[in-house]
C-alpha atoms as a PDB file:
ATOM      1  CA  MET A   1       0.000   0.000   0.000  1.00  0.00           C
ATOM      2  CA  LEU A   2       1.241   3.449  -0.852  1.00  0.00           C
ATOM      3  CA  ARG A   3       1.994   5.859   1.947  1.00  0.00           C
ATOM      4  CA  LYS A   4       0.761   9.434   2.129  1.00  0.00           C
ATOM      5  CA  GLU A   5       4.327  10.686   1.581  1.00  0.00           C
ATOM      6  CA  GLU A   6       4.516   8.774  -1.698  1.00  0.00           C
ATOM      7  CA  ILE A   7       1.243  10.310  -2.889  1.00  0.00           C
ATOM      8  CA  GLU A   8       2.579  13.763  -1.992  1.00  0.00           C
ATOM      9  CA  HIS A   9       5.757  13.010  -3.938  1.00  0.00           C
ATOM     10  CA  ILE A  10       3.748  11.899  -6.988  1.00  0.00           C
ATOM     11  CA  GLY A  11       1.750  15.144  -6.740  1.00  0.00           C
ATOM     12  CA  TRP A  12       4.986  17.120  -6.517  1.00  0.00           C
ATOM     13  CA  LEU A  13       6.376  15.330  -9.597  1.00  0.00           C
ATOM     14  CA  ALA A  14       3.143  16.076 -11.495  1.00  0.00           C
ATOM     15  CA  ARG A  15       3.280  19.691 -10.267  1.00  0.00           C
ATOM     16  CA  ILE A  16      -0.240  19.515  -8.848  1.00  0.00           C
ATOM     17  CA  GLU A  17      -1.405  20.526  -5.421  1.00  0.00           C
ATOM     18  CA  LEU A  18      -3.496  17.869  -3.698  1.00  0.00           C
ATOM     19  CA  SER A  19      -5.972  18.437  -0.903  1.00  0.00           C
ATOM     20  CA  GLU A  20      -5.996  16.056   2.068  1.00  0.00           C
ATOM     21  CA  ALA A  21      -9.163  14.423   0.711  1.00  0.00           C
ATOM     22  CA  GLU A  22      -7.520  13.897  -2.691  1.00  0.00           C
ATOM     23  CA  LYS A  23      -4.429  12.411  -1.053  1.00  0.00           C
ATOM     24  CA  GLU A  24      -6.574   9.887   0.810  1.00  0.00           C
ATOM     25  CA  LEU A  25      -8.580   9.072  -2.320  1.00  0.00           C
ATOM     26  CA  PHE A  26      -5.497   8.630  -4.503  1.00  0.00           C
ATOM     27  CA  GLU A  27      -3.788   6.581  -1.823  1.00  0.00           C
ATOM     28  CA  LYS A  28      -6.658   4.081  -1.955  1.00  0.00           C
ATOM     29  CA  GLN A  29      -7.045   4.138  -5.740  1.00  0.00           C
ATOM     30  CA  LEU A  30      -3.360   3.822  -6.593  1.00  0.00           C
ATOM     31  CA  SER A  31      -2.846   1.143  -3.966  1.00  0.00           C
ATOM     32  CA  SER A  32      -5.730  -0.811  -5.491  1.00  0.00           C
ATOM     33  CA  ILE A  33      -4.137  -0.565  -8.930  1.00  0.00           C
ATOM     34  CA  LEU A  34      -0.765  -1.729  -7.617  1.00  0.00           C
ATOM     35  CA  ASP A  35      -2.447  -4.608  -5.753  1.00  0.00           C
ATOM     36  CA  TYR A  36      -3.991  -5.726  -9.037  1.00  0.00           C
ATOM     37  CA  PHE A  37      -0.571  -5.685 -10.694  1.00  0.00           C
ATOM     38  CA  ALA A  38       0.685  -7.903  -7.869  1.00  0.00           C
ATOM     39  CA  VAL A  39      -2.079 -10.400  -8.749  1.00  0.00           C
ATOM     40  CA  LEU A  40      -1.015 -10.277 -12.410  1.00  0.00           C
ATOM     41  CA  ASP A  41       2.602 -10.900 -11.402  1.00  0.00           C
ATOM     42  CA  GLU A  42       1.525 -14.222  -9.900  1.00  0.00           C
ATOM     43  CA  LEU A  43       0.201 -15.541 -13.220  1.00  0.00           C
ATOM     44  CA  ASP A  44       2.202 -18.240 -14.978  1.00  0.00           C
ATOM     45  CA  THR A  45       3.189 -16.786 -18.345  1.00  0.00           C
ATOM     46  CA  GLU A  46       5.935 -19.299 -19.099  1.00  0.00           C
ATOM     47  CA  ASP A  47       4.282 -20.629 -22.272  1.00  0.00           C
ATOM     48  CA  VAL A  48       2.789 -17.326 -23.428  1.00  0.00           C
ATOM     49  CA  ALA A  49       4.538 -15.659 -26.339  1.00  0.00           C
ATOM     50  CA  PRO A  50       5.282 -11.945 -25.895  1.00  0.00           C
ATOM     51  CA  THR A  51       2.718  -9.668 -27.519  1.00  0.00           C
ATOM     52  CA  TYR A  52       4.260  -6.747 -29.350  1.00  0.00           C
ATOM     53  CA  ASN A  53       1.198  -5.700 -31.295  1.00  0.00           C
ATOM     54  CA  VAL A  54      -2.252  -6.794 -30.148  1.00  0.00           C
ATOM     55  CA  ILE A  55      -4.161  -5.989 -33.347  1.00  0.00           C
ATOM     56  CA  GLY A  56      -1.736  -7.371 -35.939  1.00  0.00           C
ATOM     57  CA  ILE A  57      -1.084  -4.195 -37.904  1.00  0.00           C
ATOM     58  CA  LYS A  58       1.814  -4.433 -40.305  1.00  0.00           C
ATOM     59  CA  ASP A  59       4.069  -1.548 -41.221  1.00  0.00           C
ATOM     60  CA  VAL A  60       1.852   0.699 -43.349  1.00  0.00           C
ATOM     61  CA  VAL A  61       4.492   3.309 -44.108  1.00  0.00           C
ATOM     62  CA  ARG A  62       5.616   3.582 -47.704  1.00  0.00           C
ATOM     63  CA  LYS A  63       9.169   2.703 -48.673  1.00  0.00           C
ATOM     64  CA  ASP A  64      11.654   5.514 -48.269  1.00  0.00           C
ATOM     65  CA  GLU A  65      12.644   6.235 -51.855  1.00  0.00           C
ATOM     66  CA  PRO A  66      14.673   9.299 -52.840  1.00  0.00           C
ATOM     67  CA  LYS A  67      12.993  11.776 -55.148  1.00  0.00           C
ATOM     68  CA  GLU A  68      13.520  15.287 -56.369  1.00  0.00           C
ATOM     69  CA  GLY A  69      13.081  17.929 -53.650  1.00  0.00           C
ATOM     70  CA  LEU A  70      11.241  21.229 -53.854  1.00  0.00           C
ATOM     71  CA  SER A  71      12.867  24.313 -55.289  1.00  0.00           C
ATOM     72  CA  GLN A  72      13.703  27.213 -53.002  1.00  0.00           C
ATOM     73  CA  SER A  73      10.871  29.314 -54.426  1.00  0.00           C
ATOM     74  CA  GLU A  74       8.352  26.492 -53.862  1.00  0.00           C
ATOM     75  CA  VAL A  75       9.491  26.036 -50.268  1.00  0.00           C
ATOM     76  CA  LEU A  76       9.296  29.743 -49.479  1.00  0.00           C
ATOM     77  CA  ARG A  77       6.018  30.311 -51.359  1.00  0.00           C
ATOM     78  CA  ASN A  78       3.795  30.053 -48.239  1.00  0.00           C
ATOM     79  CA  ALA A  79       6.300  31.376 -45.690  1.00  0.00           C
ATOM     80  CA  PRO A  80       4.800  34.229 -43.665  1.00  0.00           C
ATOM     81  CA  LYS A  81       8.170  36.041 -43.611  1.00  0.00           C
ATOM     82  CA  LYS A  82      11.223  35.549 -45.775  1.00  0.00           C
ATOM     83  CA  GLU A  83      14.432  37.446 -46.371  1.00  0.00           C
ATOM     84  CA  LYS A  84      17.175  36.912 -48.976  1.00  0.00           C
ATOM     85  CA  GLY A  85      15.954  33.421 -49.840  1.00  0.00           C
ATOM     86  CA  TYR A  86      15.601  32.202 -46.220  1.00  0.00           C
ATOM     87  CA  PHE A  87      12.805  31.853 -43.683  1.00  0.00           C
ATOM     88  CA  LYS A  88      12.751  34.833 -41.357  1.00  0.00           C
ATOM     89  CA  SER A  89      11.878  34.118 -37.733  1.00  0.00           C
ATOM     90  CA  PRO A  90      11.849  36.123 -34.527  1.00  0.00           C
ATOM     91  CA  ARG A  91      15.227  36.515 -32.828  1.00  0.00           C
ATOM     92  CA  MET A  92      15.773  34.047 -30.002  1.00  0.00           C
ATOM     93  CA  LEU A  93      17.957  34.987 -27.061  1.00  0.00           C
END
């Protein structure tokens, strides 16, 4: 079971402020989730093949084949700001 200090630490990591009621609620809920994982850890999975993709999708990305790129004028055509053949952006400090 998770302790209150662990719930506070999780809240700190998430950068959220938790009320006392929320801490108690999350302590129970997260502990319940971790208890369920403990039950799953007890299962015998010796003869179960690892599942990498549960719905059987194959790689649907096209082959990476080189082709002619865009010209400079085509690339800059929709640029909101351009200067001397380059994209112009705000100065970053």
